[in-house]
Amino acid sequence: MSSRTRPAAQTASFKGNKQSLPSKPCVACGRPMSWRKRWARSWDEVKFCSDACRRSRSGAHTGAAG
């Protein structure tokens, strides 16, 4: 029994071939992002490929923390 969790659509078709995983573009830079196990629960909410893209996109409205 495996403790890994994947979306139901991925469980049947994923057999180690990363090309079969879903992907979508990063909102900030447009690079394609492939599905990751870490994003299994929040794949619909994932918008940025990295922290750098997240900071560059949302850095304009952050205030000084002190």
PDB file of N, CA and C in Angstrom:
ATOM      1  N   MET A   1       0.843  -1.179   0.000  1.00  0.00           N
ATOM      2  CA  MET A   1       0.000   0.000   0.000  1.00  0.00           C
ATOM      3  C   MET A   1       0.887   1.241   0.000  1.00  0.00           C
ATOM      4  N   SER A   2       0.587   2.193  -0.855  1.00  0.00           N
ATOM      5  CA  SER A   2       1.415   3.380  -1.001  1.00  0.00           C
ATOM      6  C   SER A   2       0.778   4.562  -0.284  1.00  0.00           C
ATOM      7  N   SER A   3       1.605   5.399   0.331  1.00  0.00           N
ATOM      8  CA  SER A   3       1.094   6.577   1.023  1.00  0.00           C
ATOM      9  C   SER A   3       1.109   7.807   0.117  1.00  0.00           C
ATOM     10  N   ARG A   4       1.512   7.630  -1.112  1.00  0.00           N
ATOM     11  CA  ARG A   4       1.564   8.749  -2.055  1.00  0.00           C
ATOM     12  C   ARG A   4       0.158   9.139  -2.470  1.00  0.00           C
ATOM     13  N   THR A   5      -0.057  10.454  -2.609  1.00  0.00           N
ATOM     14  CA  THR A   5      -1.359  10.934  -3.048  1.00  0.00           C
ATOM     15  C   THR A   5      -1.205  11.705  -4.339  1.00  0.00           C
ATOM     16  N   ARG A   6      -1.967  11.332  -5.321  1.00  0.00           N
ATOM     17  CA  ARG A   6      -1.988  12.011  -6.613  1.00  0.00           C
ATOM     18  C   ARG A   6      -3.438  12.239  -6.993  1.00  0.00           C
ATOM     19  N   PRO A   7      -3.681  13.213  -7.869  1.00  0.00           N
ATOM     20  CA  PRO A   7      -5.055  13.381  -8.354  1.00  0.00           C
ATOM     21  C   PRO A   7      -5.539  12.086  -8.992  1.00  0.00           C
ATOM     22  N   ALA A   8      -6.820  11.834  -8.902  1.00  0.00           N
ATOM     23  CA  ALA A   8      -7.377  10.585  -9.415  1.00  0.00           C
ATOM     24  C   ALA A   8      -7.031  10.370 -10.879  1.00  0.00           C
ATOM     25  N   ALA A   9      -7.025  11.430 -11.669  1.00  0.00           N
ATOM     26  CA  ALA A   9      -6.707  11.308 -13.087  1.00  0.00           C
ATOM     27  C   ALA A   9      -5.254  10.899 -13.296  1.00  0.00           C
ATOM     28  N   GLN A  10      -4.376  11.265 -12.384  1.00  0.00           N
ATOM     29  CA  GLN A  10      -2.957  10.957 -12.521  1.00  0.00           C
ATOM     30  C   GLN A  10      -2.612   9.566 -12.034  1.00  0.00           C
ATOM     31  N   THR A  11      -3.359   9.033 -11.109  1.00  0.00           N
ATOM     32  CA  THR A  11      -3.040   7.746 -10.510  1.00  0.00           C
ATOM     33  C   THR A  11      -3.005   6.635 -11.550  1.00  0.00           C
ATOM     34  N   ALA A  12      -3.974   6.597 -12.429  1.00  0.00           N
ATOM     35  CA  ALA A  12      -4.062   5.520 -13.413  1.00  0.00           C
ATOM     36  C   ALA A  12      -3.046   5.685 -14.535  1.00  0.00           C
ATOM     37  N   SER A  13      -2.768   6.912 -14.967  1.00  0.00           N
ATOM     38  CA  SER A  13      -1.934   7.115 -16.142  1.00  0.00           C
ATOM     39  C   SER A  13      -0.458   7.337 -15.830  1.00  0.00           C
ATOM     40  N   PHE A  14      -0.097   7.704 -14.622  1.00  0.00           N
ATOM     41  CA  PHE A  14       1.299   7.987 -14.301  1.00  0.00           C
ATOM     42  C   PHE A  14       2.053   6.700 -13.982  1.00  0.00           C
ATOM     43  N   LYS A  15       3.056   6.420 -14.789  1.00  0.00           N
ATOM     44  CA  LYS A  15       3.888   5.236 -14.567  1.00  0.00           C
ATOM     45  C   LYS A  15       5.352   5.622 -14.677  1.00  0.00           C
ATOM     46  N   GLY A  16       5.718   6.792 -14.137  1.00  0.00           N
ATOM     47  CA  GLY A  16       7.093   7.236 -14.173  1.00  0.00           C
ATOM     48  C   GLY A  16       7.414   8.115 -15.365  1.00  0.00           C
ATOM     49  N   ASN A  17       6.456   8.368 -16.239  1.00  0.00           N
ATOM     50  CA  ASN A  17       6.670   9.207 -17.399  1.00  0.00           C
ATOM     51  C   ASN A  17       6.212  10.625 -17.076  1.00  0.00           C
ATOM     52  N   LYS A  18       7.151  11.522 -16.858  1.00  0.00           N
ATOM     53  CA  LYS A  18       6.812  12.878 -16.446  1.00  0.00           C
ATOM     54  C   LYS A  18       6.148  13.686 -17.552  1.00  0.00           C
ATOM     55  N   GLN A  19       6.274  13.264 -18.789  1.00  0.00           N
ATOM     56  CA  GLN A  19       5.632  13.981 -19.890  1.00  0.00           C
ATOM     57  C   GLN A  19       4.116  13.842 -19.840  1.00  0.00           C
ATOM     58  N   SER A  20       3.597  12.828 -19.152  1.00  0.00           N
ATOM     59  CA  SER A  20       2.161  12.630 -19.077  1.00  0.00           C
ATOM     60  C   SER A  20       1.507  13.456 -17.963  1.00  0.00           C
ATOM     61  N   LEU A  21       2.311  14.134 -17.145  1.00  0.00           N
ATOM     62  CA  LEU A  21       1.767  14.957 -16.069  1.00  0.00           C
ATOM     63  C   LEU A  21       1.213  16.270 -16.634  1.00  0.00           C
ATOM     64  N   PRO A  22       0.186  16.830 -15.999  1.00  0.00           N
ATOM     65  CA  PRO A  22      -0.357  18.103 -16.475  1.00  0.00           C
ATOM     66  C   PRO A  22       0.643  19.238 -16.263  1.00  0.00           C
ATOM     67  N   SER A  23       0.508  20.276 -17.054  1.00  0.00           N
ATOM     68  CA  SER A  23       1.356  21.453 -16.889  1.00  0.00           C
ATOM     69  C   SER A  23       0.526  22.695 -17.192  1.00  0.00           C
ATOM     70  N   LYS A  24       1.030  23.836 -16.741  1.00  0.00           N
ATOM     71  CA  LYS A  24       0.386  25.113 -17.017  1.00  0.00           C
ATOM     72  C   LYS A  24       1.441  26.196 -16.929  1.00  0.00           C
ATOM     73  N   PRO A  25       1.208  27.347 -17.552  1.00  0.00           N
ATOM     74  CA  PRO A  25       2.217  28.415 -17.548  1.00  0.00           C
ATOM     75  C   PRO A  25       2.226  29.205 -16.238  1.00  0.00           C
ATOM     76  N   CYS A  26       3.393  29.702 -15.878  1.00  0.00           N
ATOM     77  CA  CYS A  26       3.545  30.586 -14.719  1.00  0.00           C
ATOM     78  C   CYS A  26       2.899  31.925 -15.066  1.00  0.00           C
ATOM     79  N   VAL A  27       2.177  32.515 -14.113  1.00  0.00           N
ATOM     80  CA  VAL A  27       1.499  33.781 -14.336  1.00  0.00           C
ATOM     81  C   VAL A  27       2.503  34.915 -14.548  1.00  0.00           C
ATOM     82  N   ALA A  28       3.637  34.876 -13.871  1.00  0.00           N
ATOM     83  CA  ALA A  28       4.606  35.961 -13.936  1.00  0.00           C
ATOM     84  C   ALA A  28       5.530  35.872 -15.149  1.00  0.00           C
ATOM     85  N   CYS A  29       6.115  34.700 -15.392  1.00  0.00           N
ATOM     86  CA  CYS A  29       7.134  34.594 -16.441  1.00  0.00           C
ATOM     87  C   CYS A  29       6.683  33.800 -17.663  1.00  0.00           C
ATOM     88  N   GLY A  30       5.614  33.028 -17.550  1.00  0.00           N
ATOM     89  CA  GLY A  30       5.102  32.271 -18.679  1.00  0.00           C
ATOM     90  C   GLY A  30       5.758  30.920 -18.913  1.00  0.00           C
ATOM     91  N   ARG A  31       6.735  30.554 -18.088  1.00  0.00           N
ATOM     92  CA  ARG A  31       7.373  29.246 -18.235  1.00  0.00           C
ATOM     93  C   ARG A  31       6.390  28.136 -17.865  1.00  0.00           C
ATOM     94  N   PRO A  32       6.473  27.002 -18.553  1.00  0.00           N
ATOM     95  CA  PRO A  32       5.570  25.896 -18.201  1.00  0.00           C
ATOM     96  C   PRO A  32       5.969  25.257 -16.868  1.00  0.00           C
ATOM     97  N   MET A  33       4.970  24.970 -16.050  1.00  0.00           N
ATOM     98  CA  MET A  33       5.191  24.289 -14.766  1.00  0.00           C
ATOM     99  C   MET A  33       4.560  22.910 -14.857  1.00  0.00           C
ATOM    100  N   SER A  34       5.287  21.885 -14.470  1.00  0.00           N
ATOM    101  CA  SER A  34       4.745  20.533 -14.435  1.00  0.00           C
ATOM    102  C   SER A  34       4.189  20.246 -13.050  1.00  0.00           C
ATOM    103  N   TRP A  35       3.191  19.374 -13.004  1.00  0.00           N
ATOM    104  CA  TRP A  35       2.575  18.978 -11.744  1.00  0.00           C
ATOM    105  C   TRP A  35       3.619  18.361 -10.831  1.00  0.00           C
ATOM    106  N   ARG A  36       3.537  18.704  -9.550  1.00  0.00           N
ATOM    107  CA  ARG A  36       4.430  18.133  -8.535  1.00  0.00           C
ATOM    108  C   ARG A  36       3.590  17.515  -7.431  1.00  0.00           C
ATOM    109  N   LYS A  37       4.135  16.506  -6.811  1.00  0.00           N
ATOM    110  CA  LYS A  37       3.420  15.838  -5.731  1.00  0.00           C
ATOM    111  C   LYS A  37       3.067  16.832  -4.620  1.00  0.00           C
ATOM    112  N   ARG A  38       3.975  17.763  -4.358  1.00  0.00           N
ATOM    113  CA  ARG A  38       3.738  18.750  -3.313  1.00  0.00           C
ATOM    114  C   ARG A  38       2.506  19.609  -3.610  1.00  0.00           C
ATOM    115  N   TRP A  39       2.207  19.773  -4.902  1.00  0.00           N
ATOM    116  CA  TRP A  39       1.067  20.596  -5.316  1.00  0.00           C
ATOM    117  C   TRP A  39      -0.203  19.784  -5.510  1.00  0.00           C
ATOM    118  N   ALA A  40      -0.234  18.535  -5.083  1.00  0.00           N
ATOM    119  CA  ALA A  40      -1.371  17.650  -5.341  1.00  0.00           C
ATOM    120  C   ALA A  40      -2.686  18.224  -4.823  1.00  0.00           C
ATOM    121  N   ARG A  41      -2.676  18.793  -3.654  1.00  0.00           N
ATOM    122  CA  ARG A  41      -3.912  19.313  -3.052  1.00  0.00           C
ATOM    123  C   ARG A  41      -4.283  20.704  -3.539  1.00  0.00           C
ATOM    124  N   SER A  42      -3.311  21.447  -4.046  1.00  0.00           N
ATOM    125  CA  SER A  42      -3.579  22.836  -4.413  1.00  0.00           C
ATOM    126  C   SER A  42      -3.197  23.169  -5.851  1.00  0.00           C
ATOM    127  N   TRP A  43      -3.230  22.190  -6.753  1.00  0.00           N
ATOM    128  CA  TRP A  43      -2.804  22.412  -8.136  1.00  0.00           C
ATOM    129  C   TRP A  43      -3.600  23.535  -8.796  1.00  0.00           C
ATOM    130  N   ASP A  44      -4.883  23.656  -8.485  1.00  0.00           N
ATOM    131  CA  ASP A  44      -5.695  24.716  -9.080  1.00  0.00           C
ATOM    132  C   ASP A  44      -5.291  26.105  -8.594  1.00  0.00           C
ATOM    133  N   GLU A  45      -4.729  26.203  -7.398  1.00  0.00           N
ATOM    134  CA  GLU A  45      -4.328  27.497  -6.853  1.00  0.00           C
ATOM    135  C   GLU A  45      -2.889  27.882  -7.196  1.00  0.00           C
ATOM    136  N   VAL A  46      -2.084  26.947  -7.676  1.00  0.00           N
ATOM    137  CA  VAL A  46      -0.682  27.234  -8.006  1.00  0.00           C
ATOM    138  C   VAL A  46      -0.639  28.172  -9.206  1.00  0.00           C
ATOM    139  N   LYS A  47       0.051  29.312  -9.046  1.00  0.00           N
ATOM    140  CA  LYS A  47       0.123  30.306 -10.114  1.00  0.00           C
ATOM    141  C   LYS A  47       1.548  30.625 -10.524  1.00  0.00           C
ATOM    142  N   PHE A  48       2.493  30.470  -9.611  1.00  0.00           N
ATOM    143  CA  PHE A  48       3.869  30.879  -9.864  1.00  0.00           C
ATOM    144  C   PHE A  48       4.812  29.683  -9.818  1.00  0.00           C
ATOM    145  N   CYS A  49       5.853  29.728 -10.651  1.00  0.00           N
ATOM    146  CA  CYS A  49       6.795  28.612 -10.718  1.00  0.00           C
ATOM    147  C   CYS A  49       7.844  28.671  -9.614  1.00  0.00           C
ATOM    148  N   SER A  50       8.050  29.842  -9.011  1.00  0.00           N
ATOM    149  CA  SER A  50       9.086  29.976  -7.992  1.00  0.00           C
ATOM    150  C   SER A  50       8.768  31.125  -7.052  1.00  0.00           C
ATOM    151  N   ASP A  51       9.508  31.189  -5.960  1.00  0.00           N
ATOM    152  CA  ASP A  51       9.351  32.311  -5.033  1.00  0.00           C
ATOM    153  C   ASP A  51       9.760  33.615  -5.696  1.00  0.00           C
ATOM    154  N   ALA A  52      10.764  33.569  -6.563  1.00  0.00           N
ATOM    155  CA  ALA A  52      11.217  34.777  -7.257  1.00  0.00           C
ATOM    156  C   ALA A  52      10.097  35.347  -8.120  1.00  0.00           C
ATOM    157  N   CYS A  53       9.375  34.500  -8.831  1.00  0.00           N
ATOM    158  CA  CYS A  53       8.249  34.969  -9.645  1.00  0.00           C
ATOM    159  C   CYS A  53       7.126  35.506  -8.761  1.00  0.00           C
ATOM    160  N   ARG A  54       6.873  34.850  -7.643  1.00  0.00           N
ATOM    161  CA  ARG A  54       5.833  35.312  -6.723  1.00  0.00           C
ATOM    162  C   ARG A  54       6.176  36.699  -6.183  1.00  0.00           C
ATOM    163  N   ARG A  55       7.445  36.916  -5.806  1.00  0.00           N
ATOM    164  CA  ARG A  55       7.866  38.220  -5.284  1.00  0.00           C
ATOM    165  C   ARG A  55       7.810  39.301  -6.364  1.00  0.00           C
ATOM    166  N   SER A  56       8.229  38.977  -7.561  1.00  0.00           N
ATOM    167  CA  SER A  56       8.247  39.986  -8.616  1.00  0.00           C
ATOM    168  C   SER A  56       6.836  40.389  -9.019  1.00  0.00           C
ATOM    169  N   ARG A  57       5.900  39.469  -8.936  1.00  0.00           N
ATOM    170  CA  ARG A  57       4.518  39.746  -9.312  1.00  0.00           C
ATOM    171  C   ARG A  57       3.788  40.528  -8.232  1.00  0.00           C
ATOM    172  N   SER A  58       4.004  40.170  -6.956  1.00  0.00           N
ATOM    173  CA  SER A  58       3.243  40.787  -5.867  1.00  0.00           C
ATOM    174  C   SER A  58       4.074  41.772  -5.046  1.00  0.00           C
ATOM    175  N   GLY A  59       5.291  42.071  -5.440  1.00  0.00           N
ATOM    176  CA  GLY A  59       6.157  42.933  -4.669  1.00  0.00           C
ATOM    177  C   GLY A  59       5.757  44.409  -4.677  1.00  0.00           C
ATOM    178  N   ALA A  60       4.931  44.804  -5.625  1.00  0.00           N
ATOM    179  CA  ALA A  60       4.557  46.213  -5.748  1.00  0.00           C
ATOM    180  C   ALA A  60       3.669  46.698  -4.591  1.00  0.00           C
ATOM    181  N   HIS A  61       2.863  45.808  -4.024  1.00  0.00           N
ATOM    182  CA  HIS A  61       1.933  46.256  -2.989  1.00  0.00           C
ATOM    183  C   HIS A  61       2.275  45.759  -1.586  1.00  0.00           C
ATOM    184  N   THR A  62       3.507  45.304  -1.365  1.00  0.00           N
ATOM    185  CA  THR A  62       3.890  44.883  -0.021  1.00  0.00           C
ATOM    186  C   THR A  62       4.421  46.078   0.766  1.00  0.00           C
ATOM    187  N   GLY A  63       4.041  46.164   2.010  1.00  0.00           N
ATOM    188  CA  GLY A  63       4.496  47.255   2.853  1.00  0.00           C
ATOM    189  C   GLY A  63       5.759  46.902   3.609  1.00  0.00           C
ATOM    190  N   ALA A  64       6.384  47.885   4.238  1.00  0.00           N
ATOM    191  CA  ALA A  64       7.590  47.646   5.026  1.00  0.00           C
ATOM    192  C   ALA A  64       7.208  46.968   6.328  1.00  0.00           C
ATOM    193  N   ALA A  65       7.811  45.829   6.606  1.00  0.00           N
ATOM    194  CA  ALA A  65       7.478  45.075   7.812  1.00  0.00           C
ATOM    195  C   ALA A  65       8.193  45.623   9.032  1.00  0.00           C
ATOM    196  N   GLY A  66       9.305  46.295   8.804  1.00  0.00           N
ATOM    197  CA  GLY A  66       9.970  46.921   9.924  1.00  0.00           C
ATOM    198  C   GLY A  66      11.162  46.250  10.333  1.00  0.00           C
TER     199      GLY A  66
END
